């Protein structure tokens, strides 16, 4: 696999994980846990956007 392909795959995995964290946050009953999951999802989404733009990949998770 090429470097670009590896970067693209990594970015996609990060986006999928961010979505999983958002869904977990929606199900969380503890407000602190919900906030923690939302923050982690946001950091991961921001990181995926940054890596995606560096590798030339477009797109992002909808908010």
N, C-alpha and C. Protein backbone atom coordinates (compact mmCIF):
# COMPACT_ATOMS: atom_id res chain seq x y z
N UNK A 1 0.85 -1.19 0.00
CA UNK A 1 0.00 0.00 0.00
C UNK A 1 0.89 1.24 0.00
N UNK A 2 0.47 2.26 -0.72
CA UNK A 2 1.24 3.49 -0.80
C UNK A 2 1.10 4.29 0.49
N UNK A 3 1.99 5.25 0.63
CA UNK A 3 1.93 6.12 1.81
C UNK A 3 0.62 6.89 1.83
N UNK A 4 0.19 7.38 0.65
CA UNK A 4 -1.07 8.11 0.57
C UNK A 4 -2.23 7.20 0.95
N UNK A 5 -2.19 5.95 0.50
CA UNK A 5 -3.24 5.00 0.84
C UNK A 5 -3.28 4.70 2.32
N UNK A 6 -2.11 4.59 2.93
CA UNK A 6 -2.05 4.35 4.37
C UNK A 6 -2.61 5.54 5.13
N UNK A 7 -2.26 6.75 4.68
CA UNK A 7 -2.76 7.96 5.34
C UNK A 7 -4.27 8.05 5.20
N UNK A 8 -4.76 7.73 4.02
CA UNK A 8 -6.19 7.77 3.77
C UNK A 8 -6.92 6.78 4.67
N UNK A 9 -6.37 5.58 4.80
CA UNK A 9 -6.97 4.56 5.66
C UNK A 9 -6.96 4.99 7.12
N UNK A 10 -5.86 5.58 7.54
CA UNK A 10 -5.75 6.04 8.93
C UNK A 10 -6.76 7.15 9.22
N UNK A 11 -6.89 8.07 8.29
CA UNK A 11 -7.84 9.17 8.46
C UNK A 11 -9.25 8.61 8.55
N UNK A 12 -9.58 7.66 7.69
CA UNK A 12 -10.91 7.06 7.71
C UNK A 12 -11.17 6.35 9.05
N UNK A 13 -10.17 5.65 9.55
CA UNK A 13 -10.32 4.96 10.84
C UNK A 13 -10.55 5.97 11.96
N UNK A 14 -9.82 7.08 11.91
CA UNK A 14 -9.99 8.11 12.94
C UNK A 14 -11.39 8.68 12.90
N UNK A 15 -11.90 8.91 11.69
CA UNK A 15 -13.26 9.45 11.55
C UNK A 15 -14.30 8.47 12.07
N UNK A 16 -14.10 7.20 11.77
CA UNK A 16 -15.04 6.18 12.25
C UNK A 16 -15.01 6.09 13.77
N UNK A 17 -13.82 6.17 14.36
CA UNK A 17 -13.70 6.12 15.81
C UNK A 17 -14.35 7.35 16.45
N UNK A 18 -14.18 8.50 15.83
CA UNK A 18 -14.81 9.72 16.35
C UNK A 18 -16.33 9.57 16.35
N UNK A 19 -16.87 8.98 15.30
CA UNK A 19 -18.32 8.77 15.23
C UNK A 19 -18.77 7.79 16.31
N UNK A 20 -18.00 6.75 16.54
CA UNK A 20 -18.32 5.78 17.60
C UNK A 20 -18.32 6.46 18.97
N UNK A 21 -17.36 7.33 19.19
CA UNK A 21 -17.29 8.06 20.46
C UNK A 21 -18.49 9.00 20.62
N UNK A 22 -18.89 9.64 19.54
CA UNK A 22 -20.08 10.52 19.60
C UNK A 22 -21.32 9.72 19.97
N UNK A 23 -21.46 8.55 19.36
CA UNK A 23 -22.61 7.71 19.66
C UNK A 23 -22.58 7.23 21.11
N UNK A 24 -21.40 6.88 21.59
CA UNK A 24 -21.27 6.47 22.99
C UNK A 24 -21.62 7.63 23.92
N UNK A 25 -21.23 8.83 23.54
CA UNK A 25 -21.54 10.01 24.35
C UNK A 25 -23.05 10.23 24.42
N UNK A 26 -23.74 9.98 23.31
CA UNK A 26 -25.19 10.15 23.31
C UNK A 26 -25.87 9.16 24.25
N UNK A 27 -25.28 7.98 24.39
CA UNK A 27 -25.86 6.95 25.26
C UNK A 27 -25.44 7.09 26.72
N UNK A 28 -24.37 7.83 26.98
CA UNK A 28 -23.85 7.96 28.34
C UNK A 28 -24.87 8.67 29.23
N UNK A 29 -25.04 8.14 30.42
CA UNK A 29 -25.98 8.76 31.36
C UNK A 29 -25.26 9.72 32.31
N UNK A 30 -23.99 9.51 32.53
CA UNK A 30 -23.20 10.38 33.41
C UNK A 30 -22.74 11.61 32.62
N UNK A 31 -23.12 12.81 33.06
CA UNK A 31 -22.75 14.02 32.32
C UNK A 31 -21.24 14.19 32.13
N UNK A 32 -20.46 13.81 33.14
CA UNK A 32 -19.00 13.94 33.01
C UNK A 32 -18.46 12.97 31.97
N UNK A 33 -18.97 11.77 31.97
CA UNK A 33 -18.55 10.77 30.98
C UNK A 33 -18.95 11.22 29.57
N UNK A 34 -20.16 11.76 29.46
CA UNK A 34 -20.64 12.25 28.16
C UNK A 34 -19.71 13.34 27.64
N UNK A 35 -19.36 14.28 28.50
CA UNK A 35 -18.47 15.38 28.08
C UNK A 35 -17.10 14.86 27.70
N UNK A 36 -16.60 13.92 28.47
CA UNK A 36 -15.29 13.33 28.18
C UNK A 36 -15.28 12.67 26.80
N UNK A 37 -16.32 11.91 26.49
CA UNK A 37 -16.43 11.24 25.20
C UNK A 37 -16.58 12.25 24.06
N UNK A 38 -17.37 13.28 24.28
CA UNK A 38 -17.55 14.32 23.26
C UNK A 38 -16.24 15.04 22.98
N UNK A 39 -15.49 15.34 24.03
CA UNK A 39 -14.21 16.02 23.87
C UNK A 39 -13.22 15.15 23.09
N UNK A 40 -13.19 13.87 23.45
CA UNK A 40 -12.28 12.95 22.78
C UNK A 40 -12.66 12.81 21.30
N UNK A 41 -13.95 12.72 21.02
CA UNK A 41 -14.42 12.64 19.63
C UNK A 41 -14.03 13.90 18.86
N UNK A 42 -14.17 15.04 19.48
CA UNK A 42 -13.82 16.31 18.82
C UNK A 42 -12.33 16.38 18.51
N UNK A 43 -11.50 15.96 19.48
CA UNK A 43 -10.05 15.97 19.24
C UNK A 43 -9.68 15.05 18.08
N UNK A 44 -10.30 13.88 18.07
CA UNK A 44 -10.02 12.91 17.01
C UNK A 44 -10.49 13.43 15.65
N UNK A 45 -11.63 14.06 15.62
CA UNK A 45 -12.14 14.63 14.38
C UNK A 45 -11.21 15.75 13.89
N UNK A 46 -10.77 16.60 14.80
CA UNK A 46 -9.85 17.68 14.42
C UNK A 46 -8.55 17.11 13.87
N UNK A 47 -8.05 16.08 14.52
CA UNK A 47 -6.81 15.45 14.07
C UNK A 47 -7.00 14.80 12.69
N UNK A 48 -8.15 14.18 12.47
CA UNK A 48 -8.40 13.54 11.17
C UNK A 48 -8.50 14.60 10.07
N UNK A 49 -9.09 15.73 10.39
CA UNK A 49 -9.17 16.82 9.41
C UNK A 49 -7.77 17.32 9.05
N UNK A 50 -6.95 17.48 10.08
CA UNK A 50 -5.60 17.98 9.86
C UNK A 50 -4.80 16.98 9.02
N UNK A 51 -4.85 15.71 9.38
CA UNK A 51 -4.11 14.70 8.62
C UNK A 51 -4.68 14.54 7.22
N UNK A 52 -6.00 14.65 7.10
CA UNK A 52 -6.64 14.55 5.79
C UNK A 52 -6.22 15.68 4.88
N UNK A 53 -6.10 16.88 5.42
CA UNK A 53 -5.69 18.01 4.59
C UNK A 53 -4.22 17.90 4.21
N UNK A 54 -3.41 17.30 5.07
CA UNK A 54 -1.99 17.14 4.75
C UNK A 54 -1.80 16.08 3.66
N UNK A 55 -2.68 15.08 3.63
CA UNK A 55 -2.54 14.02 2.63
C UNK A 55 -3.36 14.33 1.38
N UNK A 56 -4.06 15.46 1.39
CA UNK A 56 -4.83 15.86 0.23
C UNK A 56 -6.22 15.26 0.20
N UNK A 57 -6.61 14.57 1.24
CA UNK A 57 -7.94 13.95 1.29
C UNK A 57 -8.96 15.01 1.71
N UNK A 58 -10.08 15.01 1.04
CA UNK A 58 -11.13 15.98 1.35
C UNK A 58 -12.22 15.31 2.16
N UNK A 59 -13.05 16.12 2.78
CA UNK A 59 -14.20 15.61 3.52
C UNK A 59 -13.93 15.58 5.01
N UNK A 60 -15.04 15.48 5.76
CA UNK A 60 -14.97 15.42 7.20
C UNK A 60 -16.29 14.92 7.75
N UNK A 61 -16.30 14.63 9.01
CA UNK A 61 -17.52 14.18 9.65
C UNK A 61 -18.49 15.35 9.78
N UNK A 62 -19.74 15.14 9.48
CA UNK A 62 -20.71 16.22 9.69
C UNK A 62 -20.89 16.49 11.18
N UNK A 63 -21.20 17.70 11.50
CA UNK A 63 -21.39 18.05 12.91
C UNK A 63 -22.84 18.04 13.28
